[in-house]
Protein backbone atom coordinates (compact mmCIF):
# COMPACT_ATOMS: atom_id res chain seq x y z
CA MET A 1 0.00 0.00 0.00
CA ARG A 2 2.82 2.38 0.89
CA GLY A 3 4.38 1.69 -2.54
CA ILE A 4 1.20 2.81 -4.29
CA PHE A 5 1.23 6.12 -2.41
CA CYS A 6 4.88 6.65 -3.29
CA LEU A 7 4.18 5.93 -6.96
CA CYS A 8 1.22 8.31 -6.98
CA GLY A 9 3.36 10.97 -5.33
CA LEU A 10 6.08 10.57 -7.94
CA LEU A 11 3.55 10.79 -10.78
CA LEU A 12 2.01 13.94 -9.31
CA ALA A 13 5.44 15.49 -8.80
CA GLY A 14 6.34 14.69 -12.40
CA CYS A 15 3.14 16.26 -13.62
CA SER A 16 3.76 19.33 -11.48
CA ASN A 17 7.31 19.68 -12.83
CA SER A 18 6.03 19.32 -16.39
CA LYS A 19 3.39 22.01 -15.86
CA HIS A 20 6.05 24.31 -14.38
CA ALA A 21 8.28 23.70 -17.41
CA VAL A 22 5.39 24.43 -19.77
CA THR A 23 4.61 27.64 -17.89
CA GLN A 24 8.22 28.76 -18.24
CA VAL A 25 8.26 28.17 -22.01
CA VAL A 26 4.93 29.93 -22.54
CA SER A 27 5.92 32.83 -20.30
CA ILE A 28 9.31 33.47 -21.90
CA ALA A 29 7.92 33.18 -25.45
CA ALA A 30 5.06 35.56 -24.61
CA GLU A 31 7.44 38.04 -22.98
CA ALA A 32 9.69 37.98 -26.05
CA GLN A 33 6.65 38.61 -28.23
CA LEU A 34 5.60 41.59 -26.09
CA PHE A 35 9.17 42.87 -26.03
CA LEU A 36 9.25 42.96 -29.84
CA GLU A 37 5.95 44.84 -29.94
CA PHE A 38 7.24 47.32 -27.38
CA VAL A 39 10.42 47.95 -29.36
CA GLN A 40 8.66 48.13 -32.73
CA GLN A 41 6.25 50.74 -31.34
CA GLY A 42 9.23 52.89 -30.35
CA HIS A 43 8.72 52.68 -26.59
CA ALA A 44 12.07 51.12 -25.63
CA THR A 45 15.29 52.88 -24.90
CA ALA A 46 18.30 51.76 -26.91
CA THR A 47 19.85 50.17 -23.83
CA TYR A 48 16.71 48.22 -22.98
CA ALA A 49 16.27 47.07 -26.58
CA LYS A 50 19.85 45.84 -26.60
CA THR A 51 20.03 44.17 -23.18
CA HIS A 52 16.60 42.63 -22.60
CA PRO A 53 17.04 39.88 -25.23
CA HIS A 54 20.11 38.67 -23.34
CA TYR A 55 18.08 38.56 -20.12
CA LEU A 56 15.40 36.48 -21.87
CA LYS A 57 18.09 34.20 -23.25
CA ARG A 58 19.43 33.57 -19.73
CA LEU A 59 15.91 32.83 -18.48
CA ALA A 60 15.43 30.32 -21.29
CA GLU A 61 18.76 28.65 -20.59
CA ALA A 62 17.69 28.12 -16.97
CA ALA A 63 14.25 26.88 -18.05
CA SER A 64 15.88 24.42 -20.46
CA LYS A 65 17.06 22.36 -17.50
CA ASP A 66 13.51 21.96 -16.24
CA VAL A 67 12.22 21.13 -19.71
CA GLU A 68 14.93 18.53 -20.27
CA ALA A 69 13.86 16.81 -17.05
CA THR A 70 10.38 16.18 -18.50
CA ARG A 71 9.36 13.30 -20.73
CA HIS A 72 7.65 15.53 -23.26
CA GLU A 73 9.59 15.47 -26.51
CA GLU A 74 7.37 18.09 -28.14
CA LEU A 75 7.95 20.46 -25.21
CA LYS A 76 11.69 19.88 -25.60
CA ARG A 77 11.35 20.75 -29.28
CA GLN A 78 9.54 23.99 -28.46
CA MET A 79 12.24 24.83 -25.92
CA GLN A 80 14.89 24.34 -28.62
CA ARG A 81 12.92 26.61 -30.96
CA LEU A 82 12.66 29.21 -28.21
CA ASN A 83 16.40 29.10 -27.52
CA THR A 84 17.16 29.46 -31.24
CA ALA A 85 14.76 32.38 -31.66
CA LEU A 86 16.14 34.13 -28.57
CA ALA A 87 19.70 33.71 -29.86
CA LYS A 88 18.63 35.37 -33.11
CA LEU A 89 16.92 38.14 -31.15
CA ALA A 90 19.97 38.71 -28.94
CA ASN A 91 22.22 38.88 -32.01
CA ALA A 92 19.72 40.99 -33.97
CA SER A 93 20.24 38.54 -36.81
CA SER A 94 16.64 38.03 -37.90
CA ASP A 95 13.57 39.92 -39.04
CA PRO A 96 11.67 41.10 -35.93
CA THR A 97 8.29 40.37 -37.52
CA ALA A 98 9.27 36.79 -38.28
CA LEU A 99 10.59 36.36 -34.74
CA HIS A 100 7.37 37.81 -33.31
CA ASP A 101 5.39 35.16 -35.17
CA GLU A 102 7.85 32.46 -34.07
CA PHE A 103 7.46 33.43 -30.40
CA ALA A 104 3.66 33.49 -30.77
CA GLU A 105 3.63 29.99 -32.25
CA ILE A 106 5.97 28.61 -29.59
CA ALA A 107 3.77 30.04 -26.82
CA GLN A 108 0.65 28.61 -28.46
CA LEU A 109 2.07 25.13 -29.00
CA ALA A 110 3.62 24.94 -25.53
CA GLY A 111 0.29 26.07 -24.07
CA GLN A 112 -1.47 23.25 -25.91
CA ILE A 113 1.05 20.81 -24.45
CA GLY A 114 0.25 22.16 -20.98
CA GLU A 115 -3.46 21.60 -21.53
CA SER A 116 -2.81 17.93 -22.28
CA ILE A 117 -0.83 17.30 -19.10
């Protein structure tokens, strides 16, 4: 009987960790999307526009560890897409409109993964 409770506890903890990982991916992708809108509308200072992508990149790198600990391959794929898009944003090496759409899609797909957990 004790073994069943332990197993249930492990399953719930795994689910909780997965939901936390999903939340991180959705949150960072949505923040990157809002950041691009803010910059494109001319509201950001030059310093903020230059440094905030690096902050988002560091957040994503930390979140990657949580995502890698899950069993969700599609979530891992979305995390990889997010890291790639944030690297492009930090290096200003891509069209902001295309990146905006990429972040929106990542947030949407990761959110759908979270709904299925």
